[in-house]
Amino acid sequence: MKAFVHEYGELKIKDMNEPFADHGQVAVSIKFAGLNRRDVAVPGRRGDEAGALILGSDGAGVIESIGEGVSEFSIGDEVIINPSLGWYENSEAPPKQFDILGMPDNGTFTESVVLPAEQIEKKPEHLSWDEAGVLALSGLTGYRALFTKGNLQAGDTLFMPGAGSGVATYLIQFAKKAGARVIVTSRSEAKRKQALELGADRALDTNSSWPEELKEETIDIVIDSVGQATFNRSLEVLEKGGRFVTFGATTEDAVELNLRKFFYGQYKLIGSTMGSQEELRDMLTYITEHQIHPVVDQSFSLDEAQSAMEYLSESKQFGKVALRISE
């Protein structure tokens, strides 16, 4: 089978042995897979000495074979893949055995993948294949950050720097359906316009003065995945006693924090990462009830996977980038 792999420092298409569904496993013929920032980072983390690994955490497709002991699925079922490995029940932090599909295990940028049956969920019927293929990782990350960790309530105002990321497009839709006010930022005028069309109440120029722009607003919760470049700017506009949720750092990891100002402000700083199977199922129910659709910016063929990675790394997209594996 054809797959997009990282092997000895190179990214390439390679023929790989088709996996076999053993006891408790299912084999899924992938139709669409979704790219994430993690996929861009994995090659650098592996270095130049590691053998072939199929990249990719997100995917959707059709079950093509079933191992012994699996009764909850049938051949031909339309499914999505849960990339959150070993985390089943909602908890304050991931369990020690938690991992993410796509490293160290082979991922979804391939024609077929085999996984334990508990890592598979039924595809929401209202989603197209490309939408389903990009859903799980970013949707789950946003759902946990917003509801489990951020405790978003109707009437809250959410502030979020960076309007164009995949998670951001989920957060805008999730928060609006929950009755919140949503304010985002972007350097791109086009992305600000797209965010407003998606449902954001306001979209600020990243280079503007946020305290000046937001002086009439009460920011109850910040969700920031940018990191060093926006951390203190975001904190500056957060209402005293507010919640600051962070789940990523697309700029530098380390931030400088005025501790006295922080504790006098009584702020709550909350870390979040991915989510559990329980939260994924809650998220699938939520998007079905509200008929929420992932935003797919662009789809590339599997042969164009490297171009897709470059496109994502340059942050050109609004929403998600998909890989078309099969028709």
C-alpha atoms as a PDB file:
ATOM      1  CA  MET A   1       0.000   0.000   0.000  1.00  0.00           C
ATOM      2  CA  LYS A   2       1.061   3.599  -0.594  1.00  0.00           C
ATOM      3  CA  ALA A   3       1.910   5.809   2.381  1.00  0.00           C
ATOM      4  CA  PHE A   4       3.587   9.123   3.212  1.00  0.00           C
ATOM      5  CA  VAL A   5       6.483   8.397   5.553  1.00  0.00           C
ATOM      6  CA  HIS A   6       9.404   9.943   7.362  1.00  0.00           C
ATOM      7  CA  GLU A   7      12.458   7.732   6.865  1.00  0.00           C
ATOM      8  CA  TYR A   8      16.082   8.525   7.749  1.00  0.00           C
ATOM      9  CA  GLY A   9      15.459  12.250   7.641  1.00  0.00           C
ATOM     10  CA  GLU A  10      13.427  12.247   4.405  1.00  0.00           C
ATOM     11  CA  LEU A  11       9.736  12.740   3.696  1.00  0.00           C
ATOM     12  CA  LYS A  12       8.499  10.578   0.825  1.00  0.00           C
ATOM     13  CA  ILE A  13       5.805   8.349  -0.616  1.00  0.00           C
ATOM     14  CA  LYS A  14       6.665   4.697  -0.028  1.00  0.00           C
ATOM     15  CA  ASP A  15       5.071   1.302  -0.607  1.00  0.00           C
ATOM     16  CA  MET A  16       4.464  -0.310   2.778  1.00  0.00           C
ATOM     17  CA  ASN A  17       3.162  -3.732   3.783  1.00  0.00           C
ATOM     18  CA  GLU A  18      -0.591  -3.694   4.314  1.00  0.00           C
ATOM     19  CA  PRO A  19      -1.377  -4.253   8.017  1.00  0.00           C
ATOM     20  CA  PHE A  20      -3.508  -7.142   9.253  1.00  0.00           C
ATOM     21  CA  ALA A  21      -6.420  -6.778  11.683  1.00  0.00           C
ATOM     22  CA  ASP A  22      -5.638  -9.079  14.609  1.00  0.00           C
ATOM     23  CA  HIS A  23      -7.765  -9.895  17.660  1.00  0.00           C
ATOM     24  CA  GLY A  24      -9.701  -6.817  18.842  1.00  0.00           C
ATOM     25  CA  GLN A  25      -8.587  -4.726  15.868  1.00  0.00           C
ATOM     26  CA  VAL A  26     -10.158  -3.261  12.731  1.00  0.00           C
ATOM     27  CA  ALA A  27      -8.598  -2.274   9.416  1.00  0.00           C
ATOM     28  CA  VAL A  28      -9.815   1.015   7.962  1.00  0.00           C
ATOM     29  CA  SER A  29      -9.482   2.002   4.317  1.00  0.00           C
ATOM     30  CA  ILE A  30      -8.712   5.723   4.620  1.00  0.00           C
ATOM     31  CA  LYS A  31     -10.609   8.159   2.405  1.00  0.00           C
ATOM     32  CA  PHE A  32      -9.371  11.459   3.864  1.00  0.00           C
ATOM     33  CA  ALA A  33      -6.759  12.300   6.473  1.00  0.00           C
ATOM     34  CA  GLY A  34      -6.196  15.603   8.251  1.00  0.00           C
ATOM     35  CA  LEU A  35      -2.943  17.476   8.747  1.00  0.00           C
ATOM     36  CA  ASN A  36      -1.994  18.924  12.117  1.00  0.00           C
ATOM     37  CA  ARG A  37       0.920  20.988  13.416  1.00  0.00           C
ATOM     38  CA  ARG A  38       2.118  17.844  15.112  1.00  0.00           C
ATOM     39  CA  ASP A  39       2.755  16.221  11.717  1.00  0.00           C
ATOM     40  CA  VAL A  40       5.025  19.102  10.746  1.00  0.00           C
ATOM     41  CA  ALA A  41       6.963  18.766  14.019  1.00  0.00           C
ATOM     42  CA  VAL A  42       7.399  14.966  14.083  1.00  0.00           C
ATOM     43  CA  PRO A  43      10.234  14.731  11.501  1.00  0.00           C
ATOM     44  CA  GLY A  44      12.384  17.127  13.528  1.00  0.00           C
ATOM     45  CA  ARG A  45      11.705  15.163  16.698  1.00  0.00           C
ATOM     46  CA  ARG A  46      12.691  11.856  15.063  1.00  0.00           C
ATOM     47  CA  GLY A  47      15.974  13.040  13.553  1.00  0.00           C
ATOM     48  CA  ASP A  48      17.855  11.422  10.670  1.00  0.00           C
ATOM     49  CA  GLU A  49      18.500   7.934  12.070  1.00  0.00           C
ATOM     50  CA  ALA A  50      14.960   6.571  12.425  1.00  0.00           C
ATOM     51  CA  GLY A  51      13.395   4.141   9.966  1.00  0.00           C
ATOM     52  CA  ALA A  52      10.123   4.524   8.093  1.00  0.00           C
ATOM     53  CA  LEU A  53       7.153   5.869  10.050  1.00  0.00           C
ATOM     54  CA  ILE A  54       3.787   6.641   8.478  1.00  0.00           C
ATOM     55  CA  LEU A  55       2.803  10.141   9.588  1.00  0.00           C
ATOM     56  CA  GLY A  56      -0.670  11.395  10.419  1.00  0.00           C
ATOM     57  CA  SER A  57      -3.056  11.401  13.381  1.00  0.00           C
ATOM     58  CA  ASP A  58      -6.452  12.162  11.837  1.00  0.00           C
ATOM     59  CA  GLY A  59      -8.432  10.130   9.347  1.00  0.00           C
ATOM     60  CA  ALA A  60     -11.806   8.836   8.231  1.00  0.00           C
ATOM     61  CA  GLY A  61     -12.752   5.897   6.058  1.00  0.00           C
ATOM     62  CA  VAL A  62     -14.528   2.571   5.730  1.00  0.00           C
ATOM     63  CA  ILE A  63     -13.883  -0.585   7.736  1.00  0.00           C
ATOM     64  CA  GLU A  64     -12.451  -3.176   5.357  1.00  0.00           C
ATOM     65  CA  SER A  65     -11.742  -6.051   7.749  1.00  0.00           C
ATOM     66  CA  ILE A  66     -12.358  -6.989  11.374  1.00  0.00           C
ATOM     67  CA  GLY A  67     -10.322  -9.105  13.754  1.00  0.00           C
ATOM     68  CA  GLU A  68     -11.715 -11.701  16.123  1.00  0.00           C
ATOM     69  CA  GLY A  69     -13.481 -10.406  19.200  1.00  0.00           C
ATOM     70  CA  VAL A  70     -14.870  -7.243  17.568  1.00  0.00           C
ATOM     71  CA  SER A  71     -18.656  -7.096  17.630  1.00  0.00           C
ATOM     72  CA  GLU A  72     -19.499  -3.369  17.663  1.00  0.00           C
ATOM     73  CA  PHE A  73     -18.494  -2.731  14.030  1.00  0.00           C
ATOM     74  CA  SER A  74     -19.203  -4.306  10.663  1.00  0.00           C
ATOM     75  CA  ILE A  75     -17.340  -4.331   7.379  1.00  0.00           C
ATOM     76  CA  GLY A  76     -18.430  -1.285   5.409  1.00  0.00           C
ATOM     77  CA  ASP A  77     -19.072   0.954   8.430  1.00  0.00           C
ATOM     78  CA  GLU A  78     -18.114   4.585   7.901  1.00  0.00           C
ATOM     79  CA  VAL A  79     -15.839   5.677  10.747  1.00  0.00           C
ATOM     80  CA  ILE A  80     -13.423   8.257  12.065  1.00  0.00           C
ATOM     81  CA  ILE A  81     -10.224   7.514  13.951  1.00  0.00           C
ATOM     82  CA  ASN A  82      -9.612   8.647  17.522  1.00  0.00           C
ATOM     83  CA  PRO A  83      -5.924   9.672  17.628  1.00  0.00           C
ATOM     84  CA  SER A  84      -5.891   9.914  21.443  1.00  0.00           C
ATOM     85  CA  LEU A  85      -4.371   6.582  22.452  1.00  0.00           C
ATOM     86  CA  GLY A  86      -4.876   5.080  25.901  1.00  0.00           C
ATOM     87  CA  TRP A  87      -7.036   7.878  27.355  1.00  0.00           C
ATOM     88  CA  TYR A  88     -10.596   6.677  27.848  1.00  0.00           C
ATOM     89  CA  GLU A  89     -12.322   8.486  30.710  1.00  0.00           C
ATOM     90  CA  ASN A  90     -12.295  12.240  31.253  1.00  0.00           C
ATOM     91  CA  SER A  91      -9.664  13.168  33.850  1.00  0.00           C
ATOM     92  CA  GLU A  92      -7.721  16.206  35.066  1.00  0.00           C
ATOM     93  CA  ALA A  93      -4.667  15.121  33.071  1.00  0.00           C
ATOM     94  CA  PRO A  94      -3.841  12.343  30.599  1.00  0.00           C
ATOM     95  CA  PRO A  95      -2.897   8.946  32.053  1.00  0.00           C
ATOM     96  CA  LYS A  96       0.723   7.814  31.933  1.00  0.00           C
ATOM     97  CA  GLN A  97       0.027   5.488  28.999  1.00  0.00           C
ATOM     98  CA  PHE A  98      -1.423   8.304  26.861  1.00  0.00           C
ATOM     99  CA  ASP A  99       0.048   8.755  23.393  1.00  0.00           C
ATOM    100  CA  ILE A 100      -0.982  10.265  20.068  1.00  0.00           C
ATOM    101  CA  LEU A 101      -1.332   8.311  16.848  1.00  0.00           C
ATOM    102  CA  GLY A 102       1.387   9.031  14.292  1.00  0.00           C
ATOM    103  CA  MET A 103       4.449   8.602  16.524  1.00  0.00           C
ATOM    104  CA  PRO A 104       5.682   6.175  17.678  1.00  0.00           C
ATOM    105  CA  ASP A 105       2.945   4.132  15.963  1.00  0.00           C
ATOM    106  CA  ASN A 106       2.196   4.352  12.243  1.00  0.00           C
ATOM    107  CA  GLY A 107      -0.440   6.936  11.413  1.00  0.00           C
ATOM    108  CA  THR A 108      -3.116   7.793   8.885  1.00  0.00           C
ATOM    109  CA  PHE A 109      -1.345   9.156   5.791  1.00  0.00           C
ATOM    110  CA  THR A 110      -1.803   5.817   4.103  1.00  0.00           C
ATOM    111  CA  GLU A 111      -4.322   3.730   2.208  1.00  0.00           C
ATOM    112  CA  SER A 112      -5.039   1.442   5.172  1.00  0.00           C
ATOM    113  CA  VAL A 113      -4.509   1.563   8.920  1.00  0.00           C
ATOM    114  CA  VAL A 114      -5.138  -1.019  11.645  1.00  0.00           C
ATOM    115  CA  LEU A 115      -6.132   0.062  15.128  1.00  0.00           C
ATOM    116  CA  PRO A 116      -7.805  -1.369  18.235  1.00  0.00           C
ATOM    117  CA  ALA A 117     -11.572  -1.177  17.857  1.00  0.00           C
ATOM    118  CA  GLU A 118     -11.812   1.232  20.807  1.00  0.00           C
ATOM    119  CA  GLN A 119      -9.942   3.836  18.722  1.00  0.00           C
ATOM    120  CA  ILE A 120     -12.728   3.941  16.133  1.00  0.00           C
ATOM    121  CA  GLU A 121     -15.966   5.963  16.223  1.00  0.00           C
ATOM    122  CA  LYS A 122     -18.904   6.090  13.828  1.00  0.00           C
ATOM    123  CA  LYS A 123     -18.672   8.950  11.332  1.00  0.00           C
ATOM    124  CA  PRO A 124     -21.300  11.671  11.908  1.00  0.00           C
ATOM    125  CA  GLU A 125     -23.733  11.335   9.028  1.00  0.00           C
ATOM    126  CA  HIS A 126     -23.925  15.066   8.266  1.00  0.00           C
ATOM    127  CA  LEU A 127     -20.201  15.330   7.524  1.00  0.00           C
ATOM    128  CA  SER A 128     -18.566  14.887   4.126  1.00  0.00           C
ATOM    129  CA  TRP A 129     -15.497  12.670   3.948  1.00  0.00           C
ATOM    130  CA  ASP A 130     -13.005  15.538   3.933  1.00  0.00           C
ATOM    131  CA  GLU A 131     -14.758  17.128   6.934  1.00  0.00           C
ATOM    132  CA  ALA A 132     -14.727  13.836   8.836  1.00  0.00           C
ATOM    133  CA  GLY A 133     -11.069  13.258   8.003  1.00  0.00           C
ATOM    134  CA  VAL A 134      -9.923  16.488   9.658  1.00  0.00           C
ATOM    135  CA  LEU A 135     -12.197  16.393  12.702  1.00  0.00           C
ATOM    136  CA  ALA A 136     -10.872  14.389  15.619  1.00  0.00           C
ATOM    137  CA  LEU A 137      -7.588  15.857  16.866  1.00  0.00           C
ATOM    138  CA  SER A 138      -8.384  19.566  16.509  1.00  0.00           C
ATOM    139  CA  GLY A 139     -12.051  19.206  17.382  1.00  0.00           C
ATOM    140  CA  LEU A 140     -11.245  17.215  20.515  1.00  0.00           C
ATOM    141  CA  THR A 141      -8.472  19.626  21.520  1.00  0.00           C
ATOM    142  CA  GLY A 142     -10.818  22.587  21.171  1.00  0.00           C
ATOM    143  CA  TYR A 143     -13.704  20.880  22.958  1.00  0.00           C
ATOM    144  CA  ARG A 144     -11.625  19.993  26.032  1.00  0.00           C
ATOM    145  CA  ALA A 145      -9.942  23.419  26.184  1.00  0.00           C
ATOM    146  CA  LEU A 146     -13.269  25.240  25.905  1.00  0.00           C
ATOM    147  CA  PHE A 147     -15.630  23.147  28.008  1.00  0.00           C
ATOM    148  CA  THR A 148     -13.717  20.724  30.259  1.00  0.00           C
ATOM    149  CA  LYS A 149     -10.877  23.065  31.184  1.00  0.00           C
ATOM    150  CA  GLY A 150     -12.229  26.511  30.291  1.00  0.00           C
ATOM    151  CA  ASN A 151     -15.707  25.858  31.743  1.00  0.00           C
ATOM    152  CA  LEU A 152     -17.267  28.156  29.151  1.00  0.00           C
ATOM    153  CA  GLN A 153     -20.764  29.340  30.072  1.00  0.00           C
ATOM    154  CA  ALA A 154     -23.509  31.055  28.098  1.00  0.00           C
ATOM    155  CA  GLY A 155     -22.922  34.805  28.243  1.00  0.00           C
ATOM    156  CA  ASP A 156     -19.131  34.516  28.624  1.00  0.00           C
ATOM    157  CA  THR A 157     -16.842  36.440  26.307  1.00  0.00           C
ATOM    158  CA  LEU A 158     -14.039  34.387  24.780  1.00  0.00           C
ATOM    159  CA  PHE A 159     -10.898  36.037  23.419  1.00  0.00           C
ATOM    160  CA  MET A 160      -8.672  34.042  21.117  1.00  0.00           C
ATOM    161  CA  PRO A 161      -5.566  35.255  19.249  1.00  0.00           C
ATOM    162  CA  GLY A 162      -5.138  33.592  15.862  1.00  0.00           C
ATOM    163  CA  ALA A 163      -8.342  33.149  13.916  1.00  0.00           C
ATOM    164  CA  GLY A 164      -7.179  30.823  11.160  1.00  0.00           C
ATOM    165  CA  SER A 165      -5.957  27.668  12.857  1.00  0.00           C
ATOM    166  CA  GLY A 166      -7.962  24.476  12.668  1.00  0.00           C
ATOM    167  CA  VAL A 167      -8.682  24.492  16.404  1.00  0.00           C
ATOM    168  CA  ALA A 168      -9.696  28.164  16.254  1.00  0.00           C
ATOM    169  CA  THR A 169     -12.360  27.465  13.648  1.00  0.00           C
ATOM    170  CA  TYR A 170     -13.839  24.776  15.893  1.00  0.00           C
ATOM    171  CA  LEU A 171     -13.665  27.044  18.951  1.00  0.00           C
ATOM    172  CA  ILE A 172     -15.546  29.833  17.203  1.00  0.00           C
ATOM    173  CA  GLN A 173     -18.374  27.476  16.276  1.00  0.00           C
ATOM    174  CA  PHE A 174     -18.441  25.580  19.598  1.00  0.00           C
ATOM    175  CA  ALA A 175     -18.498  28.770  21.668  1.00  0.00           C
ATOM    176  CA  LYS A 176     -21.192  30.469  19.610  1.00  0.00           C
ATOM    177  CA  LYS A 177     -23.476  27.434  19.861  1.00  0.00           C
ATOM    178  CA  ALA A 178     -22.956  27.565  23.649  1.00  0.00           C
ATOM    179  CA  GLY A 179     -24.176  31.158  23.772  1.00  0.00           C
ATOM    180  CA  ALA A 180     -20.826  32.918  24.219  1.00  0.00           C
ATOM    181  CA  ARG A 181     -19.457  36.091  22.647  1.00  0.00           C
ATOM    182  CA  VAL A 182     -16.324  35.415  20.565  1.00  0.00           C
ATOM    183  CA  ILE A 183     -13.488  37.821  19.759  1.00  0.00           C
ATOM    184  CA  VAL A 184     -10.524  36.737  17.633  1.00  0.00           C
ATOM    185  CA  THR A 185      -7.453  38.304  16.063  1.00  0.00           C
ATOM    186  CA  SER A 186      -5.497  37.874  12.843  1.00  0.00           C
ATOM    187  CA  ARG A 187      -2.924  39.786  10.840  1.00  0.00           C
ATOM    188  CA  SER A 188      -4.803  38.798   7.705  1.00  0.00           C
ATOM    189  CA  GLU A 189      -7.781  40.890   6.675  1.00  0.00           C
ATOM    190  CA  ALA A 190      -9.112  37.921   4.695  1.00  0.00           C
ATOM    191  CA  LYS A 191      -8.961  35.649   7.747  1.00  0.00           C
ATOM    192  CA  ARG A 192     -10.656  38.265   9.925  1.00  0.00           C
ATOM    193  CA  LYS A 193     -13.476  38.412   7.398  1.00  0.00           C
ATOM    194  CA  GLN A 194     -13.728  34.601   7.292  1.00  0.00           C
ATOM    195  CA  ALA A 195     -13.839  34.443  11.103  1.00  0.00           C
ATOM    196  CA  LEU A 196     -16.747  36.890  11.167  1.00  0.00           C
ATOM    197  CA  GLU A 197     -18.566  34.885   8.517  1.00  0.00           C
ATOM    198  CA  LEU A 198     -18.041  31.743  10.621  1.00  0.00           C
ATOM    199  CA  GLY A 199     -19.689  33.420  13.612  1.00  0.00           C
ATOM    200  CA  ALA A 200     -17.119  35.478  15.515  1.00  0.00           C
ATOM    201  CA  ASP A 201     -18.572  38.691  16.960  1.00  0.00           C
ATOM    202  CA  ARG A 202     -15.398  40.720  16.477  1.00  0.00           C
ATOM    203  CA  ALA A 203     -12.118  40.159  14.635  1.00  0.00           C
ATOM    204  CA  LEU A 204      -9.198  42.448  15.550  1.00  0.00           C
ATOM    205  CA  ASP A 205      -5.989  43.147  13.690  1.00  0.00           C
ATOM    206  CA  THR A 206      -3.262  41.325  15.628  1.00  0.00           C
ATOM    207  CA  ASN A 207      -1.081  44.424  15.366  1.00  0.00           C
ATOM    208  CA  SER A 208      -3.691  46.718  16.928  1.00  0.00           C
ATOM    209  CA  SER A 209      -3.750  47.793  20.586  1.00  0.00           C
ATOM    210  CA  TRP A 210      -5.829  45.078  22.219  1.00  0.00           C
ATOM    211  CA  PRO A 211      -6.439  46.979  25.501  1.00  0.00           C
ATOM    212  CA  GLU A 212      -7.687  49.976  23.506  1.00  0.00           C
ATOM    213  CA  GLU A 213      -9.831  47.867  21.178  1.00  0.00           C
ATOM    214  CA  LEU A 214     -11.314  45.872  24.075  1.00  0.00           C
ATOM    215  CA  LYS A 215     -11.754  48.587  26.704  1.00  0.00           C
ATOM    216  CA  GLU A 216     -15.547  48.219  26.528  1.00  0.00           C
ATOM    217  CA  GLU A 217     -15.404  44.389  26.657  1.00  0.00           C
ATOM    218  CA  THR A 218     -15.224  42.010  29.617  1.00  0.00           C
ATOM    219  CA  ILE A 219     -13.015  39.066  28.650  1.00  0.00           C
ATOM    220  CA  ASP A 220     -13.968  36.088  30.818  1.00  0.00           C
ATOM    221  CA  ILE A 221     -11.773  33.491  29.151  1.00  0.00           C
ATOM    222  CA  VAL A 222      -8.712  33.488  26.907  1.00  0.00           C
ATOM    223  CA  ILE A 223      -7.723  30.464  24.857  1.00  0.00           C
ATOM    224  CA  ASP A 224      -4.228  30.956  23.465  1.00  0.00           C
ATOM    225  CA  SER A 225      -2.182  28.417  21.498  1.00  0.00           C
ATOM    226  CA  VAL A 226       0.315  30.881  20.021  1.00  0.00           C
ATOM    227  CA  GLY A 227       2.675  31.012  22.989  1.00  0.00           C
ATOM    228  CA  GLN A 228       5.332  33.615  23.675  1.00  0.00           C
ATOM    229  CA  ALA A 229       4.238  36.064  20.973  1.00  0.00           C
ATOM    230  CA  THR A 230       0.760  36.594  22.447  1.00  0.00           C
ATOM    231  CA  PHE A 231       0.783  35.244  26.012  1.00  0.00           C
ATOM    232  CA  ASN A 232       1.265  38.515  27.908  1.00  0.00           C
ATOM    233  CA  ARG A 233      -0.798  40.508  25.421  1.00  0.00           C
ATOM    234  CA  SER A 234      -3.676  38.092  25.959  1.00  0.00           C
ATOM    235  CA  LEU A 235      -3.253  38.159  29.721  1.00  0.00           C
ATOM    236  CA  GLU A 236      -3.383  41.963  29.656  1.00  0.00           C
ATOM    237  CA  VAL A 237      -6.962  41.986  28.343  1.00  0.00           C
ATOM    238  CA  LEU A 238      -8.284  39.193  30.561  1.00  0.00           C
ATOM    239  CA  GLU A 239     -10.718  40.287  33.281  1.00  0.00           C
ATOM    240  CA  LYS A 240      -9.342  39.868  36.810  1.00  0.00           C
ATOM    241  CA  GLY A 241     -10.232  36.417  38.054  1.00  0.00           C
ATOM    242  CA  GLY A 242     -10.567  35.166  34.492  1.00  0.00           C
ATOM    243  CA  ARG A 243      -9.479  31.835  32.983  1.00  0.00           C
ATOM    244  CA  PHE A 244      -6.478  31.560  30.662  1.00  0.00           C
ATOM    245  CA  VAL A 245      -6.342  28.216  28.830  1.00  0.00           C
ATOM    246  CA  THR A 246      -3.289  27.274  26.799  1.00  0.00           C
ATOM    247  CA  PHE A 247      -2.911  24.145  24.678  1.00  0.00           C
ATOM    248  CA  GLY A 248      -0.028  24.950  22.331  1.00  0.00           C
ATOM    249  CA  ALA A 249       2.895  27.174  21.450  1.00  0.00           C
ATOM    250  CA  THR A 250       3.327  27.825  17.736  1.00  0.00           C
ATOM    251  CA  THR A 251       5.858  30.503  18.705  1.00  0.00           C
ATOM    252  CA  GLU A 252       8.452  30.031  21.486  1.00  0.00           C
ATOM    253  CA  ASP A 253       7.524  27.838  24.452  1.00  0.00           C
ATOM    254  CA  ALA A 254       9.020  29.975  27.231  1.00  0.00           C
ATOM    255  CA  VAL A 255       7.196  33.095  28.427  1.00  0.00           C
ATOM    256  CA  GLU A 256       8.136  35.821  30.918  1.00  0.00           C
ATOM    257  CA  LEU A 257       5.463  36.295  33.574  1.00  0.00           C
ATOM    258  CA  ASN A 258       5.040  39.157  36.037  1.00  0.00           C
ATOM    259  CA  LEU A 259       4.130  36.972  38.972  1.00  0.00           C
ATOM    260  CA  ARG A 260       2.985  39.773  41.266  1.00  0.00           C
ATOM    261  CA  LYS A 261       0.646  41.168  38.627  1.00  0.00           C
ATOM    262  CA  PHE A 262      -0.633  37.648  38.025  1.00  0.00           C
ATOM    263  CA  PHE A 263      -1.503  36.801  41.595  1.00  0.00           C
ATOM    264  CA  TYR A 264      -2.991  40.220  42.309  1.00  0.00           C
ATOM    265  CA  GLY A 265      -5.194  39.666  39.265  1.00  0.00           C
ATOM    266  CA  GLN A 266      -6.337  36.311  40.693  1.00  0.00           C
ATOM    267  CA  TYR A 267      -6.028  34.769  37.238  1.00  0.00           C
ATOM    268  CA  LYS A 268      -6.431  31.064  36.569  1.00  0.00           C
ATOM    269  CA  LEU A 269      -3.808  29.583  34.217  1.00  0.00           C
ATOM    270  CA  ILE A 270      -4.924  26.221  32.840  1.00  0.00           C
ATOM    271  CA  GLY A 271      -3.071  23.785  30.598  1.00  0.00           C
ATOM    272  CA  SER A 272      -4.911  21.485  28.213  1.00  0.00           C
ATOM    273  CA  THR A 273      -3.883  18.755  25.781  1.00  0.00           C
ATOM    274  CA  MET A 274      -6.010  16.741  23.367  1.00  0.00           C
ATOM    275  CA  GLY A 275      -8.712  14.852  25.287  1.00  0.00           C
ATOM    276  CA  SER A 276     -10.204  11.516  26.266  1.00  0.00           C
ATOM    277  CA  GLN A 277     -12.425   9.074  24.420  1.00  0.00           C
ATOM    278  CA  GLU A 278     -15.301  10.240  26.622  1.00  0.00           C
ATOM    279  CA  GLU A 279     -14.774  13.857  25.527  1.00  0.00           C
ATOM    280  CA  LEU A 280     -14.433  12.868  21.880  1.00  0.00           C
ATOM    281  CA  ARG A 281     -17.801  11.147  22.034  1.00  0.00           C
ATOM    282  CA  ASP A 282     -19.292  14.215  23.734  1.00  0.00           C
ATOM    283  CA  MET A 283     -17.811  16.389  20.979  1.00  0.00           C
ATOM    284  CA  LEU A 284     -19.276  14.154  18.260  1.00  0.00           C
ATOM    285  CA  THR A 285     -22.685  14.428  19.917  1.00  0.00           C
ATOM    286  CA  TYR A 286     -22.282  18.220  20.156  1.00  0.00           C
ATOM    287  CA  ILE A 287     -21.416  18.733  16.489  1.00  0.00           C
ATOM    288  CA  THR A 288     -24.254  16.421  15.456  1.00  0.00           C
ATOM    289  CA  GLU A 289     -26.833  18.183  17.610  1.00  0.00           C
ATOM    290  CA  HIS A 290     -25.736  21.589  16.311  1.00  0.00           C
ATOM    291  CA  GLN A 291     -24.921  20.430  12.767  1.00  0.00           C
ATOM    292  CA  ILE A 292     -21.421  21.919  12.988  1.00  0.00           C
ATOM    293  CA  HIS A 293     -19.142  21.424   9.981  1.00  0.00           C
ATOM    294  CA  PRO A 294     -15.338  21.508  10.110  1.00  0.00           C
ATOM    295  CA  VAL A 295     -13.795  24.215   7.949  1.00  0.00           C
ATOM    296  CA  VAL A 296     -11.645  22.589   5.245  1.00  0.00           C
ATOM    297  CA  ASP A 297      -9.382  25.182   3.657  1.00  0.00           C
ATOM    298  CA  GLN A 298      -7.839  22.958   0.994  1.00  0.00           C
ATOM    299  CA  SER A 299      -7.431  19.298   0.043  1.00  0.00           C
ATOM    300  CA  PHE A 300      -4.278  17.772  -1.413  1.00  0.00           C
ATOM    301  CA  SER A 301      -3.777  14.292  -2.855  1.00  0.00           C
ATOM    302  CA  LEU A 302      -1.598  11.817  -0.973  1.00  0.00           C
ATOM    303  CA  ASP A 303       1.109  12.338  -3.615  1.00  0.00           C
ATOM    304  CA  GLU A 304       1.054  16.044  -2.710  1.00  0.00           C
ATOM    305  CA  ALA A 305       1.514  15.415   1.019  1.00  0.00           C
ATOM    306  CA  GLN A 306       4.825  17.253   1.234  1.00  0.00           C
ATOM    307  CA  SER A 307       3.316  20.331  -0.408  1.00  0.00           C
ATOM    308  CA  ALA A 308       0.440  20.116   2.061  1.00  0.00           C
ATOM    309  CA  MET A 309       2.909  20.048   4.966  1.00  0.00           C
ATOM    310  CA  GLU A 310       4.687  23.119   3.612  1.00  0.00           C
ATOM    311  CA  TYR A 311       1.366  24.908   3.129  1.00  0.00           C
ATOM    312  CA  LEU A 312       0.369  24.218   6.742  1.00  0.00           C
ATOM    313  CA  SER A 313       3.777  25.203   8.143  1.00  0.00           C
ATOM    314  CA  GLU A 314       3.446  28.619   6.468  1.00  0.00           C
ATOM    315  CA  SER A 315       0.053  29.197   8.180  1.00  0.00           C
ATOM    316  CA  LYS A 316      -1.633  30.051   4.906  1.00  0.00           C
ATOM    317  CA  GLN A 317      -4.812  28.182   5.732  1.00  0.00           C
ATOM    318  CA  PHE A 318      -8.084  29.198   7.349  1.00  0.00           C
ATOM    319  CA  GLY A 319      -9.281  26.014   9.006  1.00  0.00           C
ATOM    320  CA  LYS A 320      -8.021  22.541   8.237  1.00  0.00           C
ATOM    321  CA  VAL A 321      -5.852  21.025   5.514  1.00  0.00           C
ATOM    322  CA  ALA A 322      -6.914  17.593   4.239  1.00  0.00           C
ATOM    323  CA  LEU A 323      -5.191  14.756   2.385  1.00  0.00           C
ATOM    324  CA  ARG A 324      -7.311  12.880  -0.152  1.00  0.00           C
ATOM    325  CA  ILE A 325      -6.272   9.236   0.087  1.00  0.00           C
ATOM    326  CA  SER A 326      -8.962   7.508  -1.986  1.00  0.00           C
ATOM    327  CA  GLU A 327     -12.249   8.361  -3.668  1.00  0.00           C
END
